[in-house]
PDB file of N, CA and C in Angstrom:
ATOM      1  N   UNK A   1       0.845  -1.180   0.000  1.00  0.00           N
ATOM      2  CA  UNK A   1       0.000   0.000   0.000  1.00  0.00           C
ATOM      3  C   UNK A   1       0.892   1.246   0.000  1.00  0.00           C
ATOM      4  N   UNK A   2       0.675   2.137  -0.911  1.00  0.00           N
ATOM      5  CA  UNK A   2       1.472   3.352  -1.024  1.00  0.00           C
ATOM      6  C   UNK A   2       0.971   4.407  -0.052  1.00  0.00           C
ATOM      7  N   UNK A   3       1.916   5.077   0.600  1.00  0.00           N
ATOM      8  CA  UNK A   3       1.555   6.161   1.513  1.00  0.00           C
ATOM      9  C   UNK A   3       1.335   7.435   0.712  1.00  0.00           C
ATOM     10  N   UNK A   4       0.347   8.179   1.097  1.00  0.00           N
ATOM     11  CA  UNK A   4       0.092   9.443   0.426  1.00  0.00           C
ATOM     12  C   UNK A   4       0.227  10.568   1.426  1.00  0.00           C
ATOM     13  N   UNK A   5       0.708  11.700   0.967  1.00  0.00           N
ATOM     14  CA  UNK A   5       0.843  12.865   1.834  1.00  0.00           C
ATOM     15  C   UNK A   5      -0.506  13.517   2.035  1.00  0.00           C
ATOM     16  N   UNK A   6      -0.723  13.944   3.235  1.00  0.00           N
ATOM     17  CA  UNK A   6      -1.966  14.612   3.569  1.00  0.00           C
ATOM     18  C   UNK A   6      -1.980  16.004   2.930  1.00  0.00           C
ATOM     19  N   UNK A   7      -3.112  16.360   2.359  1.00  0.00           N
ATOM     20  CA  UNK A   7      -3.282  17.692   1.773  1.00  0.00           C
ATOM     21  C   UNK A   7      -3.957  18.570   2.824  1.00  0.00           C
ATOM     22  N   UNK A   8      -3.311  19.674   3.160  1.00  0.00           N
ATOM     23  CA  UNK A   8      -3.853  20.591   4.157  1.00  0.00           C
ATOM     24  C   UNK A   8      -4.722  21.657   3.496  1.00  0.00           C
ATOM     25  N   UNK A   9      -5.689  22.135   4.250  1.00  0.00           N
ATOM     26  CA  UNK A   9      -6.503  23.260   3.798  1.00  0.00           C
ATOM     27  C   UNK A   9      -5.725  24.549   4.039  1.00  0.00           C
ATOM     28  N   UNK A  10      -5.836  25.458   3.076  1.00  0.00           N
ATOM     29  CA  UNK A  10      -5.215  26.776   3.188  1.00  0.00           C
ATOM     30  C   UNK A  10      -6.338  27.804   3.028  1.00  0.00           C
ATOM     31  N   UNK A  11      -6.482  28.695   3.983  1.00  0.00           N
ATOM     32  CA  UNK A  11      -7.605  29.625   3.921  1.00  0.00           C
ATOM     33  C   UNK A  11      -7.478  30.634   2.783  1.00  0.00           C
ATOM     34  N   UNK A  12      -8.612  31.067   2.306  1.00  0.00           N
ATOM     35  CA  UNK A  12      -8.663  32.176   1.355  1.00  0.00           C
ATOM     36  C   UNK A  12      -8.353  33.426   2.166  1.00  0.00           C
ATOM     37  N   UNK A  13      -7.354  34.183   1.755  1.00  0.00           N
ATOM     38  CA  UNK A  13      -6.950  35.347   2.552  1.00  0.00           C
ATOM     39  C   UNK A  13      -8.026  36.420   2.631  1.00  0.00           C
ATOM     40  N   UNK A  14      -8.990  36.404   1.722  1.00  0.00           N
ATOM     41  CA  UNK A  14     -10.088  37.358   1.812  1.00  0.00           C
ATOM     42  C   UNK A  14     -10.910  37.119   3.075  1.00  0.00           C
ATOM     43  N   UNK A  15     -10.821  35.909   3.618  1.00  0.00           N
ATOM     44  CA  UNK A  15     -11.581  35.562   4.810  1.00  0.00           C
ATOM     45  C   UNK A  15     -10.756  35.627   6.091  1.00  0.00           C
ATOM     46  N   UNK A  16      -9.476  35.962   5.983  1.00  0.00           N
ATOM     47  CA  UNK A  16      -8.592  36.036   7.149  1.00  0.00           C
ATOM     48  C   UNK A  16      -8.544  37.474   7.643  1.00  0.00           C
ATOM     49  N   UNK A  17      -8.689  37.640   8.964  1.00  0.00           N
ATOM     50  CA  UNK A  17      -8.627  39.005   9.496  1.00  0.00           C
ATOM     51  C   UNK A  17      -7.226  39.313  10.027  1.00  0.00           C
ATOM     52  N   UNK A  18      -6.955  40.576  10.186  1.00  0.00           N
ATOM     53  CA  UNK A  18      -5.633  41.048  10.584  1.00  0.00           C
ATOM     54  C   UNK A  18      -5.218  40.498  11.946  1.00  0.00           C
ATOM     55  N   UNK A  19      -6.144  40.418  12.889  1.00  0.00           N
ATOM     56  CA  UNK A  19      -5.773  39.937  14.218  1.00  0.00           C
ATOM     57  C   UNK A  19      -5.285  38.486  14.182  1.00  0.00           C
ATOM     58  N   UNK A  20      -5.835  37.685  13.302  1.00  0.00           N
ATOM     59  CA  UNK A  20      -5.395  36.292  13.170  1.00  0.00           C
ATOM     60  C   UNK A  20      -3.956  36.239  12.664  1.00  0.00           C
ATOM     61  N   UNK A  21      -3.638  37.055  11.679  1.00  0.00           N
ATOM     62  CA  UNK A  21      -2.272  37.100  11.139  1.00  0.00           C
ATOM     63  C   UNK A  21      -1.306  37.625  12.199  1.00  0.00           C
ATOM     64  N   UNK A  22      -1.692  38.682  12.888  1.00  0.00           N
ATOM     65  CA  UNK A  22      -0.821  39.248  13.917  1.00  0.00           C
ATOM     66  C   UNK A  22      -0.587  38.262  15.056  1.00  0.00           C
ATOM     67  N   UNK A  23      -1.629  37.524  15.444  1.00  0.00           N
ATOM     68  CA  UNK A  23      -1.448  36.513  16.478  1.00  0.00           C
ATOM     69  C   UNK A  23      -0.443  35.458  16.018  1.00  0.00           C
ATOM     70  N   UNK A  24      -0.577  35.003  14.786  1.00  0.00           N
ATOM     71  CA  UNK A  24       0.337  33.980  14.260  1.00  0.00           C
ATOM     72  C   UNK A  24       1.781  34.479  14.267  1.00  0.00           C
ATOM     73  N   UNK A  25       1.970  35.757  14.028  1.00  0.00           N
ATOM     74  CA  UNK A  25       3.315  36.328  13.977  1.00  0.00           C
ATOM     75  C   UNK A  25       3.813  36.809  15.333  1.00  0.00           C
ATOM     76  N   UNK A  26       3.002  36.673  16.383  1.00  0.00           N
ATOM     77  CA  UNK A  26       3.370  37.194  17.697  1.00  0.00           C
ATOM     78  C   UNK A  26       4.366  36.303  18.447  1.00  0.00           C
ATOM     79  N   UNK A  27       4.499  35.060  18.026  1.00  0.00           N
ATOM     80  CA  UNK A  27       5.438  34.143  18.665  1.00  0.00           C
ATOM     81  C   UNK A  27       6.805  34.263  17.986  1.00  0.00           C
ATOM     82  N   UNK A  28       7.864  34.356  18.786  1.00  0.00           N
ATOM     83  CA  UNK A  28       9.206  34.561  18.224  1.00  0.00           C
ATOM     84  C   UNK A  28       9.637  33.426  17.310  1.00  0.00           C
ATOM     85  N   UNK A  29       9.325  32.191  17.662  1.00  0.00           N
ATOM     86  CA  UNK A  29       9.714  31.052  16.812  1.00  0.00           C
ATOM     87  C   UNK A  29       9.004  31.120  15.463  1.00  0.00           C
ATOM     88  N   UNK A  30       7.715  31.475  15.464  1.00  0.00           N
ATOM     89  CA  UNK A  30       6.975  31.584  14.203  1.00  0.00           C
ATOM     90  C   UNK A  30       7.497  32.761  13.387  1.00  0.00           C
ATOM     91  N   UNK A  31       7.813  33.855  14.048  1.00  0.00           N
ATOM     92  CA  UNK A  31       8.353  35.024  13.348  1.00  0.00           C
ATOM     93  C   UNK A  31       9.710  34.692  12.729  1.00  0.00           C
ATOM     94  N   UNK A  32      10.549  33.953  13.444  1.00  0.00           N
ATOM     95  CA  UNK A  32      11.843  33.534  12.895  1.00  0.00           C
ATOM     96  C   UNK A  32      11.656  32.650  11.663  1.00  0.00           C
ATOM     97  N   UNK A  33      10.668  31.789  11.703  1.00  0.00           N
ATOM     98  CA  UNK A  33      10.372  30.923  10.559  1.00  0.00           C
ATOM     99  C   UNK A  33       9.930  31.749   9.355  1.00  0.00           C
ATOM    100  N   UNK A  34       9.079  32.730   9.579  1.00  0.00           N
ATOM    101  CA  UNK A  34       8.622  33.605   8.495  1.00  0.00           C
ATOM    102  C   UNK A  34       9.797  34.404   7.936  1.00  0.00           C
ATOM    103  N   UNK A  35      10.688  34.864   8.800  1.00  0.00           N
ATOM    104  CA  UNK A  35      11.887  35.583   8.331  1.00  0.00           C
ATOM    105  C   UNK A  35      12.735  34.686   7.435  1.00  0.00           C
ATOM    106  N   UNK A  36      12.921  33.433   7.839  1.00  0.00           N
ATOM    107  CA  UNK A  36      13.684  32.484   7.028  1.00  0.00           C
ATOM    108  C   UNK A  36      13.060  32.338   5.643  1.00  0.00           C
ATOM    109  N   UNK A  37      11.749  32.161   5.604  1.00  0.00           N
ATOM    110  CA  UNK A  37      11.059  32.001   4.322  1.00  0.00           C
ATOM    111  C   UNK A  37      11.139  33.270   3.479  1.00  0.00           C
ATOM    112  N   UNK A  38      11.059  34.424   4.113  1.00  0.00           N
ATOM    113  CA  UNK A  38      11.134  35.697   3.387  1.00  0.00           C
ATOM    114  C   UNK A  38      12.524  35.900   2.787  1.00  0.00           C
ATOM    115  N   UNK A  39      13.556  35.489   3.519  1.00  0.00           N
ATOM    116  CA  UNK A  39      14.928  35.702   3.067  1.00  0.00           C
ATOM    117  C   UNK A  39      15.411  34.633   2.078  1.00  0.00           C
ATOM    118  N   UNK A  40      15.012  33.381   2.305  1.00  0.00           N
ATOM    119  CA  UNK A  40      15.586  32.290   1.528  1.00  0.00           C
ATOM    120  C   UNK A  40      14.611  31.587   0.599  1.00  0.00           C
ATOM    121  N   UNK A  41      13.353  31.945   0.673  1.00  0.00           N
ATOM    122  CA  UNK A  41      12.377  31.313  -0.198  1.00  0.00           C
ATOM    123  C   UNK A  41      11.874  30.005   0.375  1.00  0.00           C
ATOM    124  N   UNK A  42      11.173  29.216  -0.438  1.00  0.00           N
ATOM    125  CA  UNK A  42      10.581  27.961   0.034  1.00  0.00           C
ATOM    126  C   UNK A  42      11.624  27.040   0.664  1.00  0.00           C
ATOM    127  N   UNK A  43      11.190  26.359   1.713  1.00  0.00           N
ATOM    128  CA  UNK A  43      12.054  25.449   2.454  1.00  0.00           C
ATOM    129  C   UNK A  43      11.309  24.148   2.729  1.00  0.00           C
ATOM    130  N   UNK A  44      12.059  23.079   2.930  1.00  0.00           N
ATOM    131  CA  UNK A  44      11.433  21.837   3.369  1.00  0.00           C
ATOM    132  C   UNK A  44      11.132  21.963   4.860  1.00  0.00           C
ATOM    133  N   UNK A  45      10.294  21.072   5.354  1.00  0.00           N
ATOM    134  CA  UNK A  45       9.977  21.086   6.778  1.00  0.00           C
ATOM    135  C   UNK A  45      11.252  20.918   7.598  1.00  0.00           C
ATOM    136  N   UNK A  46      12.136  20.021   7.175  1.00  0.00           N
ATOM    137  CA  UNK A  46      13.389  19.795   7.905  1.00  0.00           C
ATOM    138  C   UNK A  46      14.239  21.065   7.956  1.00  0.00           C
ATOM    139  N   UNK A  47      14.314  21.797   6.853  1.00  0.00           N
ATOM    140  CA  UNK A  47      15.077  23.047   6.841  1.00  0.00           C
ATOM    141  C   UNK A  47      14.447  24.069   7.782  1.00  0.00           C
ATOM    142  N   UNK A  48      13.135  24.103   7.816  1.00  0.00           N
ATOM    143  CA  UNK A  48      12.440  25.032   8.706  1.00  0.00           C
ATOM    144  C   UNK A  48      12.670  24.676  10.167  1.00  0.00           C
ATOM    145  N   UNK A  49      12.677  23.382  10.466  1.00  0.00           N
ATOM    146  CA  UNK A  49      12.860  22.956  11.853  1.00  0.00           C
ATOM    147  C   UNK A  49      14.255  23.313  12.343  1.00  0.00           C
ATOM    148  N   UNK A  50      15.199  23.509  11.446  1.00  0.00           N
ATOM    149  CA  UNK A  50      16.556  23.887  11.825  1.00  0.00           C
ATOM    150  C   UNK A  50      16.607  25.277  12.456  1.00  0.00           C
ATOM    151  N   UNK A  51      15.562  26.082  12.267  1.00  0.00           N
ATOM    152  CA  UNK A  51      15.503  27.412  12.885  1.00  0.00           C
ATOM    153  C   UNK A  51      15.540  27.268  14.404  1.00  0.00           C
ATOM    154  N   UNK A  52      14.839  26.262  14.931  1.00  0.00           N
ATOM    155  CA  UNK A  52      14.808  26.003  16.371  1.00  0.00           C
ATOM    156  C   UNK A  52      14.862  24.487  16.583  1.00  0.00           C
ATOM    157  N   UNK A  53      16.048  23.885  16.404  1.00  0.00           N
ATOM    158  CA  UNK A  53      16.149  22.424  16.443  1.00  0.00           C
ATOM    159  C   UNK A  53      15.820  21.808  17.803  1.00  0.00           C
ATOM    160  N   UNK A  54      15.876  22.585  18.858  1.00  0.00           N
ATOM    161  CA  UNK A  54      15.576  22.060  20.191  1.00  0.00           C
ATOM    162  C   UNK A  54      14.079  21.990  20.481  1.00  0.00           C
ATOM    163  N   UNK A  55      13.277  22.601  19.630  1.00  0.00           N
ATOM    164  CA  UNK A  55      11.828  22.572  19.832  1.00  0.00           C
ATOM    165  C   UNK A  55      11.303  21.163  19.579  1.00  0.00           C
ATOM    166  N   UNK A  56      10.430  20.678  20.454  1.00  0.00           N
ATOM    167  CA  UNK A  56       9.822  19.364  20.203  1.00  0.00           C
ATOM    168  C   UNK A  56       9.047  19.373  18.895  1.00  0.00           C
ATOM    169  N   UNK A  57       8.936  18.199  18.275  1.00  0.00           N
ATOM    170  CA  UNK A  57       8.208  18.086  17.010  1.00  0.00           C
ATOM    171  C   UNK A  57       6.781  18.587  17.139  1.00  0.00           C
ATOM    172  N   UNK A  58       6.153  18.303  18.272  1.00  0.00           N
ATOM    173  CA  UNK A  58       4.762  18.724  18.464  1.00  0.00           C
ATOM    174  C   UNK A  58       4.643  20.246  18.496  1.00  0.00           C
ATOM    175  N   UNK A  59       5.607  20.909  19.108  1.00  0.00           N
ATOM    176  CA  UNK A  59       5.598  22.377  19.150  1.00  0.00           C
ATOM    177  C   UNK A  59       5.826  22.940  17.758  1.00  0.00           C
ATOM    178  N   UNK A  60       6.784  22.359  17.035  1.00  0.00           N
ATOM    179  CA  UNK A  60       7.070  22.817  15.680  1.00  0.00           C
ATOM    180  C   UNK A  60       5.857  22.627  14.780  1.00  0.00           C
ATOM    181  N   UNK A  61       5.194  21.489  14.891  1.00  0.00           N
ATOM    182  CA  UNK A  61       3.978  21.229  14.110  1.00  0.00           C
ATOM    183  C   UNK A  61       2.892  22.244  14.441  1.00  0.00           C
ATOM    184  N   UNK A  62       2.790  22.576  15.717  1.00  0.00           N
ATOM    185  CA  UNK A  62       1.809  23.585  16.142  1.00  0.00           C
ATOM    186  C   UNK A  62       2.117  24.937  15.491  1.00  0.00           C
ATOM    187  N   UNK A  63       3.382  25.318  15.456  1.00  0.00           N
ATOM    188  CA  UNK A  63       3.767  26.584  14.815  1.00  0.00           C
ATOM    189  C   UNK A  63       3.393  26.585  13.335  1.00  0.00           C
ATOM    190  N   UNK A  64       3.695  25.487  12.640  1.00  0.00           N
ATOM    191  CA  UNK A  64       3.345  25.405  11.218  1.00  0.00           C
ATOM    192  C   UNK A  64       1.837  25.482  11.025  1.00  0.00           C
ATOM    193  N   UNK A  65       1.092  24.806  11.861  1.00  0.00           N
ATOM    194  CA  UNK A  65      -0.372  24.822  11.750  1.00  0.00           C
ATOM    195  C   UNK A  65      -0.923  26.223  12.002  1.00  0.00           C
ATOM    196  N   UNK A  66      -0.415  26.896  13.017  1.00  0.00           N
ATOM    197  CA  UNK A  66      -0.876  28.249  13.331  1.00  0.00           C
ATOM    198  C   UNK A  66      -0.620  29.192  12.161  1.00  0.00           C
ATOM    199  N   UNK A  67       0.569  29.124  11.580  1.00  0.00           N
ATOM    200  CA  UNK A  67       0.898  29.979  10.442  1.00  0.00           C
ATOM    201  C   UNK A  67       0.054  29.634   9.215  1.00  0.00           C
ATOM    202  N   UNK A  68      -0.162  28.341   8.986  1.00  0.00           N
ATOM    203  CA  UNK A  68      -0.967  27.912   7.830  1.00  0.00           C
ATOM    204  C   UNK A  68      -2.416  28.356   7.982  1.00  0.00           C
ATOM    205  N   UNK A  69      -2.992  28.129   9.153  1.00  0.00           N
ATOM    206  CA  UNK A  69      -4.393  28.489   9.372  1.00  0.00           C
ATOM    207  C   UNK A  69      -4.618  29.999   9.369  1.00  0.00           C
ATOM    208  N   UNK A  70      -3.569  30.770   9.630  1.00  0.00           N
ATOM    209  CA  UNK A  70      -3.662  32.230   9.570  1.00  0.00           C
ATOM    210  C   UNK A  70      -3.430  32.747   8.152  1.00  0.00           C
ATOM    211  N   UNK A  71      -3.095  31.845   7.233  1.00  0.00           N
ATOM    212  CA  UNK A  71      -2.880  32.249   5.846  1.00  0.00           C
ATOM    213  C   UNK A  71      -1.501  32.793   5.562  1.00  0.00           C
ATOM    214  N   UNK A  72      -0.573  32.613   6.481  1.00  0.00           N
ATOM    215  CA  UNK A  72       0.769  33.171   6.321  1.00  0.00           C
ATOM    216  C   UNK A  72       1.652  32.278   5.450  1.00  0.00           C
ATOM    217  N   UNK A  73       1.479  30.964   5.560  1.00  0.00           N
ATOM    218  CA  UNK A  73       2.309  30.029   4.791  1.00  0.00           C
ATOM    219  C   UNK A  73       1.439  29.011   4.066  1.00  0.00           C
ATOM    220  N   UNK A  74       2.070  28.332   3.126  1.00  0.00           N
ATOM    221  CA  UNK A  74       1.491  27.147   2.502  1.00  0.00           C
ATOM    222  C   UNK A  74       2.378  25.983   2.917  1.00  0.00           C
ATOM    223  N   UNK A  75       1.760  24.844   3.168  1.00  0.00           N
ATOM    224  CA  UNK A  75       2.468  23.626   3.550  1.00  0.00           C
ATOM    225  C   UNK A  75       1.950  22.536   2.621  1.00  0.00           C
ATOM    226  N   UNK A  76       2.744  22.223   1.596  1.00  0.00           N
ATOM    227  CA  UNK A  76       2.265  21.323   0.545  1.00  0.00           C
ATOM    228  C   UNK A  76       3.256  20.199   0.288  1.00  0.00           C
ATOM    229  N   UNK A  77       2.725  19.014  -0.049  1.00  0.00           N
ATOM    230  CA  UNK A  77       3.616  17.901  -0.356  1.00  0.00           C
ATOM    231  C   UNK A  77       4.381  18.141  -1.653  1.00  0.00           C
ATOM    232  N   UNK A  78       5.658  17.777  -1.620  1.00  0.00           N
ATOM    233  CA  UNK A  78       6.513  17.827  -2.800  1.00  0.00           C
ATOM    234  C   UNK A  78       7.332  16.551  -2.799  1.00  0.00           C
ATOM    235  N   UNK A  79       6.895  15.589  -3.567  1.00  0.00           N
ATOM    236  CA  UNK A  79       7.558  14.288  -3.550  1.00  0.00           C
ATOM    237  C   UNK A  79       7.403  13.641  -2.188  1.00  0.00           C
ATOM    238  N   UNK A  80       8.517  13.268  -1.578  1.00  0.00           N
ATOM    239  CA  UNK A  80       8.488  12.615  -0.265  1.00  0.00           C
ATOM    240  C   UNK A  80       8.631  13.612   0.873  1.00  0.00           C
ATOM    241  N   UNK A  81       8.692  14.879   0.544  1.00  0.00           N
ATOM    242  CA  UNK A  81       8.857  15.916   1.564  1.00  0.00           C
ATOM    243  C   UNK A  81       7.679  16.877   1.514  1.00  0.00           C
ATOM    244  N   UNK A  82       7.702  17.830   2.423  1.00  0.00           N
ATOM    245  CA  UNK A  82       6.705  18.897   2.423  1.00  0.00           C
ATOM    246  C   UNK A  82       7.464  20.208   2.237  1.00  0.00           C
ATOM    247  N   UNK A  83       6.896  21.081   1.414  1.00  0.00           N
ATOM    248  CA  UNK A  83       7.529  22.369   1.154  1.00  0.00           C
ATOM    249  C   UNK A  83       6.703  23.461   1.821  1.00  0.00           C
ATOM    250  N   UNK A  84       7.402  24.341   2.530  1.00  0.00           N
ATOM    251  CA  UNK A  84       6.775  25.458   3.219  1.00  0.00           C
ATOM    252  C   UNK A  84       7.103  26.724   2.431  1.00  0.00           C
ATOM    253  N   UNK A  85       6.066  27.463   2.054  1.00  0.00           N
ATOM    254  CA  UNK A  85       6.273  28.716   1.322  1.00  0.00           C
ATOM    255  C   UNK A  85       5.516  29.840   2.014  1.00  0.00           C
ATOM    256  N   UNK A  86       6.086  31.012   1.946  1.00  0.00           N
ATOM    257  CA  UNK A  86       5.452  32.212   2.484  1.00  0.00           C
ATOM    258  C   UNK A  86       4.470  32.742   1.455  1.00  0.00           C
ATOM    259  N   UNK A  87       3.271  33.079   1.871  1.00  0.00           N
ATOM    260  CA  UNK A  87       2.253  33.607   0.959  1.00  0.00           C
ATOM    261  C   UNK A  87       2.400  35.129   0.863  1.00  0.00           C
ATOM    262  N   UNK A  88       3.593  35.579   0.560  1.00  0.00           N
ATOM    263  CA  UNK A  88       3.920  36.998   0.605  1.00  0.00           C
ATOM    264  C   UNK A  88       3.078  37.839  -0.352  1.00  0.00           C
ATOM    265  N   UNK A  89       2.972  37.438  -1.595  1.00  0.00           N
ATOM    266  CA  UNK A  89       2.210  38.237  -2.568  1.00  0.00           C
ATOM    267  C   UNK A  89       0.752  38.366  -2.139  1.00  0.00           C
ATOM    268  N   UNK A  90       0.175  37.252  -1.678  1.00  0.00           N
ATOM    269  CA  UNK A  90      -1.222  37.288  -1.234  1.00  0.00           C
ATOM    270  C   UNK A  90      -1.390  38.149   0.014  1.00  0.00           C
ATOM    271  N   UNK A  91      -0.440  38.039   0.954  1.00  0.00           N
ATOM    272  CA  UNK A  91      -0.507  38.846   2.170  1.00  0.00           C
ATOM    273  C   UNK A  91      -0.319  40.328   1.853  1.00  0.00           C
ATOM    274  N   UNK A  92       0.603  40.629   0.936  1.00  0.00           N
ATOM    275  CA  UNK A  92       0.828  42.029   0.555  1.00  0.00           C
ATOM    276  C   UNK A  92      -0.399  42.624  -0.119  1.00  0.00           C
ATOM    277  N   UNK A  93      -1.115  41.806  -0.857  1.00  0.00           N
ATOM    278  CA  UNK A  93      -2.340  42.291  -1.500  1.00  0.00           C
ATOM    279  C   UNK A  93      -3.444  42.534  -0.469  1.00  0.00           C
ATOM    280  N   UNK A  94      -3.574  41.619   0.477  1.00  0.00           N
ATOM    281  CA  UNK A  94      -4.640  41.711   1.489  1.00  0.00           C
ATOM    282  C   UNK A  94      -4.321  42.751   2.559  1.00  0.00           C
ATOM    283  N   UNK A  95      -3.060  42.776   3.014  1.00  0.00           N
ATOM    284  CA  UNK A  95      -2.612  43.691   4.061  1.00  0.00           C
ATOM    285  C   UNK A  95      -1.362  44.418   3.584  1.00  0.00           C
ATOM    286  N   UNK A  96      -1.510  45.432   2.719  1.00  0.00           N
ATOM    287  CA  UNK A  96      -0.349  46.099   2.135  1.00  0.00           C
ATOM    288  C   UNK A  96       0.622  46.631   3.191  1.00  0.00           C
ATOM    289  N   UNK A  97       1.888  46.273   3.019  1.00  0.00           N
ATOM    290  CA  UNK A  97       2.949  46.782   3.899  1.00  0.00           C
ATOM    291  C   UNK A  97       3.108  46.054   5.220  1.00  0.00           C
ATOM    292  N   UNK A  98       2.205  45.133   5.538  1.00  0.00           N
ATOM    293  CA  UNK A  98       2.270  44.456   6.831  1.00  0.00           C
ATOM    294  C   UNK A  98       3.568  43.660   6.998  1.00  0.00           C
ATOM    295  N   UNK A  99       3.859  42.772   6.064  1.00  0.00           N
ATOM    296  CA  UNK A  99       5.069  41.967   6.206  1.00  0.00           C
ATOM    297  C   UNK A  99       6.329  42.820   6.176  1.00  0.00           C
ATOM    298  N   UNK A 100       6.352  43.816   5.316  1.00  0.00           N
ATOM    299  CA  UNK A 100       7.521  44.702   5.257  1.00  0.00           C
ATOM    300  C   UNK A 100       7.742  45.385   6.600  1.00  0.00           C
ATOM    301  N   UNK A 101       6.676  45.815   7.227  1.00  0.00           N
ATOM    302  CA  UNK A 101       6.786  46.486   8.531  1.00  0.00           C
ATOM    303  C   UNK A 101       7.235  45.517   9.616  1.00  0.00           C
ATOM    304  N   UNK A 102       6.708  44.319   9.609  1.00  0.00           N
ATOM    305  CA  UNK A 102       7.035  43.351  10.647  1.00  0.00           C
ATOM    306  C   UNK A 102       8.429  42.777  10.456  1.00  0.00           C
ATOM    307  N   UNK A 103       8.785  42.495   9.213  1.00  0.00           N
ATOM    308  CA  UNK A 103      10.091  41.886   8.951  1.00  0.00           C
ATOM    309  C   UNK A 103      11.210  42.902   8.835  1.00  0.00           C
ATOM    310  N   UNK A 104      10.852  44.155   8.585  1.00  0.00           N
ATOM    311  CA  UNK A 104      11.849  45.209   8.395  1.00  0.00           C
ATOM    312  C   UNK A 104      12.610  45.493   9.630  1.00  0.00           C
TER     313      UNK A 104
END
């Protein structure tokens, strides 16, 4: 039996409010992850976990879920791995200047 990667739901940013995005970015570990994605582009889950390697897997998964559900990142299967991407263009369209202000 072949294993298949789970497909996660990603919210339509038109339905995401600013407080949800700000909450997702309020944690230092999540903010560091977003900075990594902004600076280096898409990363695998393993590369992202290297930002805080001492964090338990459950905590790291929680951070990814919080960012995904807030519309900040996409978490999609790519072959045998998962690729994490920042939804920068969509966020800039919905909340102009927000990421630049937070990451600047």
